[in-house]
Amino acid sequence: MMVQQLLNYKSIDTVWSVRSMSNVYDALIMMNDKNIGAVLVIDDDHLVGIFSERDYARKGILQGRASQQTYIFEVMTKKVITVTPQDKIEYCMKLMSEGHFRHLPVVHEDTVVGVISITDILDAIIREQKARISSLESYITGTPL
């Protein structure tokens, strides 16, 4: 399965983002309201980072920073790994596993077109497995789908 297919299955296609000069508190409010674990950091239509719950824990709270007085650029992950809509989800799983992160921005021609999470990938794999099982059961029983 390709990333584009995964994006097509997602019920929410909105890319939630903040600017690097936003404060951490506002980003956390957004993440809580949208029930998401990370937001992209976009300045002037360019992806400049990603801010996750892990960034907040490790670079914020554990270093004694107050969320209302800390800017996103101070705690965000600046080196963002991205994928394209044409990449395979197996490749995305490998990146996430090796990099120990759960969110991947999807970029097409320098424009962010979506974000996929490890949960999105697992849901897609489960859907694919169920379809395969159903097809095999149909084949075995001789019952058309």
C-alpha atoms as a PDB file:
ATOM      1  CA  MET A   1       0.000   0.000   0.000  1.00  0.00           C
ATOM      2  CA  MET A   2       1.176   3.500  -0.823  1.00  0.00           C
ATOM      3  CA  VAL A   3       1.047   6.555   1.424  1.00  0.00           C
ATOM      4  CA  GLN A   4      -1.511   8.223  -0.875  1.00  0.00           C
ATOM      5  CA  GLN A   5      -3.915   5.321  -0.361  1.00  0.00           C
ATOM      6  CA  LEU A   6      -3.460   5.664   3.377  1.00  0.00           C
ATOM      7  CA  LEU A   7      -4.183   9.403   3.194  1.00  0.00           C
ATOM      8  CA  ASN A   8      -7.356   8.649   1.215  1.00  0.00           C
ATOM      9  CA  TYR A   9      -8.611   6.392   4.037  1.00  0.00           C
ATOM     10  CA  LYS A  10      -8.089   8.947   6.779  1.00  0.00           C
ATOM     11  CA  SER A  11     -11.301  10.435   8.114  1.00  0.00           C
ATOM     12  CA  ILE A  12      -9.582  13.766   8.853  1.00  0.00           C
ATOM     13  CA  ASP A  13      -7.447  15.273   6.134  1.00  0.00           C
ATOM     14  CA  THR A  14      -6.585  18.503   7.943  1.00  0.00           C
ATOM     15  CA  VAL A  15      -2.939  19.221   8.650  1.00  0.00           C
ATOM     16  CA  TRP A  16      -2.712  20.865  12.049  1.00  0.00           C
ATOM     17  CA  SER A  17       0.195  23.267  12.342  1.00  0.00           C
ATOM     18  CA  VAL A  18       1.661  26.124  14.341  1.00  0.00           C
ATOM     19  CA  ARG A  19       4.264  28.766  13.604  1.00  0.00           C
ATOM     20  CA  SER A  20       7.726  28.558  15.152  1.00  0.00           C
ATOM     21  CA  MET A  21       7.062  31.764  17.132  1.00  0.00           C
ATOM     22  CA  SER A  22       3.916  30.291  18.739  1.00  0.00           C
ATOM     23  CA  ASN A  23       4.199  29.452  22.382  1.00  0.00           C
ATOM     24  CA  VAL A  24       4.213  25.857  23.531  1.00  0.00           C
ATOM     25  CA  TYR A  25       1.057  26.309  25.591  1.00  0.00           C
ATOM     26  CA  ASP A  26      -1.027  27.222  22.530  1.00  0.00           C
ATOM     27  CA  ALA A  27       0.313  24.203  20.641  1.00  0.00           C
ATOM     28  CA  LEU A  28      -0.547  21.930  23.566  1.00  0.00           C
ATOM     29  CA  ILE A  29      -4.078  23.328  23.686  1.00  0.00           C
ATOM     30  CA  MET A  30      -4.493  22.579  19.970  1.00  0.00           C
ATOM     31  CA  MET A  31      -3.089  19.076  20.360  1.00  0.00           C
ATOM     32  CA  ASN A  32      -5.455  18.399  23.231  1.00  0.00           C
ATOM     33  CA  ASP A  33      -8.492  19.829  21.402  1.00  0.00           C
ATOM     34  CA  LYS A  34      -7.747  17.845  18.222  1.00  0.00           C
ATOM     35  CA  ASN A  35      -6.645  14.702  20.107  1.00  0.00           C
ATOM     36  CA  ILE A  36      -3.324  14.547  18.262  1.00  0.00           C
ATOM     37  CA  GLY A  37       0.191  13.791  19.445  1.00  0.00           C
ATOM     38  CA  ALA A  38       2.108  16.198  17.226  1.00  0.00           C
ATOM     39  CA  VAL A  39       1.734  19.342  15.136  1.00  0.00           C
ATOM     40  CA  LEU A  40       3.775  20.482  12.192  1.00  0.00           C
ATOM     41  CA  VAL A  41       5.682  23.725  12.467  1.00  0.00           C
ATOM     42  CA  ILE A  42       5.146  25.736   9.286  1.00  0.00           C
ATOM     43  CA  ASP A  43       6.486  29.224   8.590  1.00  0.00           C
ATOM     44  CA  ASP A  44       5.668  31.002   5.326  1.00  0.00           C
ATOM     45  CA  ASP A  45       4.300  27.770   3.817  1.00  0.00           C
ATOM     46  CA  HIS A  46       7.542  25.891   4.561  1.00  0.00           C
ATOM     47  CA  LEU A  47       7.872  22.958   6.932  1.00  0.00           C
ATOM     48  CA  VAL A  48      10.492  23.973   9.488  1.00  0.00           C
ATOM     49  CA  GLY A  49       9.880  21.418  12.231  1.00  0.00           C
ATOM     50  CA  ILE A  50       7.536  19.176  14.135  1.00  0.00           C
ATOM     51  CA  PHE A  51       6.461  19.471  17.757  1.00  0.00           C
ATOM     52  CA  SER A  52       5.349  16.380  19.629  1.00  0.00           C
ATOM     53  CA  GLU A  53       4.368  15.365  23.134  1.00  0.00           C
ATOM     54  CA  ARG A  54       7.838  13.842  23.441  1.00  0.00           C
ATOM     55  CA  ASP A  55       9.467  17.170  22.531  1.00  0.00           C
ATOM     56  CA  TYR A  56       7.434  18.851  25.257  1.00  0.00           C
ATOM     57  CA  ALA A  57       8.375  16.252  27.849  1.00  0.00           C
ATOM     58  CA  ARG A  58      12.084  16.098  27.042  1.00  0.00           C
ATOM     59  CA  LYS A  59      12.889  19.648  25.983  1.00  0.00           C
ATOM     60  CA  GLY A  60      10.225  21.486  27.936  1.00  0.00           C
ATOM     61  CA  ILE A  61       9.102  20.124  31.272  1.00  0.00           C
ATOM     62  CA  LEU A  62      12.220  18.119  32.091  1.00  0.00           C
ATOM     63  CA  GLN A  63      14.359  21.189  31.448  1.00  0.00           C
ATOM     64  CA  GLY A  64      12.183  23.390  33.639  1.00  0.00           C
ATOM     65  CA  ARG A  65      10.659  25.458  30.834  1.00  0.00           C
ATOM     66  CA  ALA A  66       7.225  26.983  31.318  1.00  0.00           C
ATOM     67  CA  SER A  67       4.935  26.276  28.369  1.00  0.00           C
ATOM     68  CA  GLN A  68       3.490  29.799  28.247  1.00  0.00           C
ATOM     69  CA  GLN A  69       6.951  31.401  28.100  1.00  0.00           C
ATOM     70  CA  THR A  70       8.590  28.941  25.695  1.00  0.00           C
ATOM     71  CA  TYR A  71       8.471  29.288  21.927  1.00  0.00           C
ATOM     72  CA  ILE A  72       7.973  26.292  19.695  1.00  0.00           C
ATOM     73  CA  PHE A  73      11.283  26.879  17.896  1.00  0.00           C
ATOM     74  CA  GLU A  74      13.076  26.306  21.201  1.00  0.00           C
ATOM     75  CA  VAL A  75      11.742  22.774  21.674  1.00  0.00           C
ATOM     76  CA  MET A  76      10.631  21.495  18.267  1.00  0.00           C
ATOM     77  CA  THR A  77      12.400  18.808  16.277  1.00  0.00           C
ATOM     78  CA  LYS A  78      14.114  20.713  13.490  1.00  0.00           C
ATOM     79  CA  LYS A  79      15.350  17.807  11.391  1.00  0.00           C
ATOM     80  CA  VAL A  80      12.066  16.488  10.050  1.00  0.00           C
ATOM     81  CA  ILE A  81      11.960  13.271   8.093  1.00  0.00           C
ATOM     82  CA  THR A  82       9.263  13.325   5.424  1.00  0.00           C
ATOM     83  CA  VAL A  83       7.767  10.925   2.905  1.00  0.00           C
ATOM     84  CA  THR A  84       5.979  11.353  -0.404  1.00  0.00           C
ATOM     85  CA  PRO A  85       2.526  10.113  -1.423  1.00  0.00           C
ATOM     86  CA  GLN A  86       4.274   7.527  -3.645  1.00  0.00           C
ATOM     87  CA  ASP A  87       6.233   5.909  -0.806  1.00  0.00           C
ATOM     88  CA  LYS A  88       5.175   2.523   0.515  1.00  0.00           C
ATOM     89  CA  ILE A  89       3.880   2.177   4.051  1.00  0.00           C
ATOM     90  CA  GLU A  90       6.502  -0.492   4.751  1.00  0.00           C
ATOM     91  CA  TYR A  91       9.139   2.175   4.137  1.00  0.00           C
ATOM     92  CA  CYS A  92       7.313   4.529   6.521  1.00  0.00           C
ATOM     93  CA  MET A  93       7.191   1.816   9.182  1.00  0.00           C
ATOM     94  CA  LYS A  94      10.938   1.305   8.821  1.00  0.00           C
ATOM     95  CA  LEU A  95      11.623   5.038   9.192  1.00  0.00           C
ATOM     96  CA  MET A  96       9.395   5.303  12.244  1.00  0.00           C
ATOM     97  CA  SER A  97      10.832   2.208  13.876  1.00  0.00           C
ATOM     98  CA  GLU A  98      14.461   3.177  13.296  1.00  0.00           C
ATOM     99  CA  GLY A  99      13.899   6.842  14.233  1.00  0.00           C
ATOM    100  CA  HIS A 100      11.682   6.130  17.243  1.00  0.00           C
ATOM    101  CA  PHE A 101       8.941   8.561  16.223  1.00  0.00           C
ATOM    102  CA  ARG A 102       5.220   8.198  15.477  1.00  0.00           C
ATOM    103  CA  HIS A 103       4.367  10.933  12.964  1.00  0.00           C
ATOM    104  CA  LEU A 104       5.511  11.510   9.382  1.00  0.00           C
ATOM    105  CA  PRO A 105       4.687  14.566   7.301  1.00  0.00           C
ATOM    106  CA  VAL A 106       3.786  13.759   3.701  1.00  0.00           C
ATOM    107  CA  VAL A 107       5.262  16.229   1.215  1.00  0.00           C
ATOM    108  CA  HIS A 108       4.552  16.588  -2.496  1.00  0.00           C
ATOM    109  CA  GLU A 109       6.520  19.154  -4.501  1.00  0.00           C
ATOM    110  CA  ASP A 110       7.600  21.058  -1.360  1.00  0.00           C
ATOM    111  CA  THR A 111       4.025  21.247  -0.063  1.00  0.00           C
ATOM    112  CA  VAL A 112       2.785  19.364   2.987  1.00  0.00           C
ATOM    113  CA  VAL A 113      -0.216  17.311   1.867  1.00  0.00           C
ATOM    114  CA  GLY A 114      -0.807  15.307   5.017  1.00  0.00           C
ATOM    115  CA  VAL A 115       0.550  13.604   8.096  1.00  0.00           C
ATOM    116  CA  ILE A 116       0.488   9.902   8.822  1.00  0.00           C
ATOM    117  CA  SER A 117       0.895   8.289  12.201  1.00  0.00           C
ATOM    118  CA  ILE A 118       1.867   4.814  13.258  1.00  0.00           C
ATOM    119  CA  THR A 119      -1.806   4.310  14.156  1.00  0.00           C
ATOM    120  CA  ASP A 120      -2.824   5.160  10.579  1.00  0.00           C
ATOM    121  CA  ILE A 121      -0.387   2.554   9.290  1.00  0.00           C
ATOM    122  CA  LEU A 122      -1.562  -0.112  11.735  1.00  0.00           C
ATOM    123  CA  ASP A 123      -5.207   0.580  10.832  1.00  0.00           C
ATOM    124  CA  ALA A 124      -4.363   0.201   7.129  1.00  0.00           C
ATOM    125  CA  ILE A 125      -2.540  -3.077   7.733  1.00  0.00           C
ATOM    126  CA  ILE A 126      -5.475  -4.419   9.754  1.00  0.00           C
ATOM    127  CA  ARG A 127      -7.931  -3.422   6.985  1.00  0.00           C
ATOM    128  CA  GLU A 128      -5.713  -5.103   4.403  1.00  0.00           C
ATOM    129  CA  GLN A 129      -5.438  -8.279   6.501  1.00  0.00           C
ATOM    130  CA  LYS A 130      -9.216  -8.437   7.009  1.00  0.00           C
ATOM    131  CA  ALA A 131      -9.784  -8.085   3.268  1.00  0.00           C
ATOM    132  CA  ARG A 132      -7.248 -10.822   2.569  1.00  0.00           C
ATOM    133  CA  ILE A 133      -8.861 -13.150   5.124  1.00  0.00           C
ATOM    134  CA  SER A 134     -12.307 -12.466   3.692  1.00  0.00           C
ATOM    135  CA  SER A 135     -11.047 -13.210   0.192  1.00  0.00           C
ATOM    136  CA  LEU A 136      -9.442 -16.471   1.300  1.00  0.00           C
ATOM    137  CA  GLU A 137     -12.577 -17.532   3.183  1.00  0.00           C
ATOM    138  CA  SER A 138     -14.632 -16.791   0.108  1.00  0.00           C
ATOM    139  CA  TYR A 139     -12.258 -18.799  -2.076  1.00  0.00           C
ATOM    140  CA  ILE A 140     -12.268 -21.765   0.331  1.00  0.00           C
ATOM    141  CA  THR A 141     -16.045 -21.869   0.725  1.00  0.00           C
ATOM    142  CA  GLY A 142     -16.734 -21.086  -2.926  1.00  0.00           C
ATOM    143  CA  THR A 143     -18.884 -18.135  -1.909  1.00  0.00           C
ATOM    144  CA  PRO A 144     -18.485 -15.039  -4.098  1.00  0.00           C
ATOM    145  CA  LEU A 145     -17.601 -11.792  -2.361  1.00  0.00           C
END
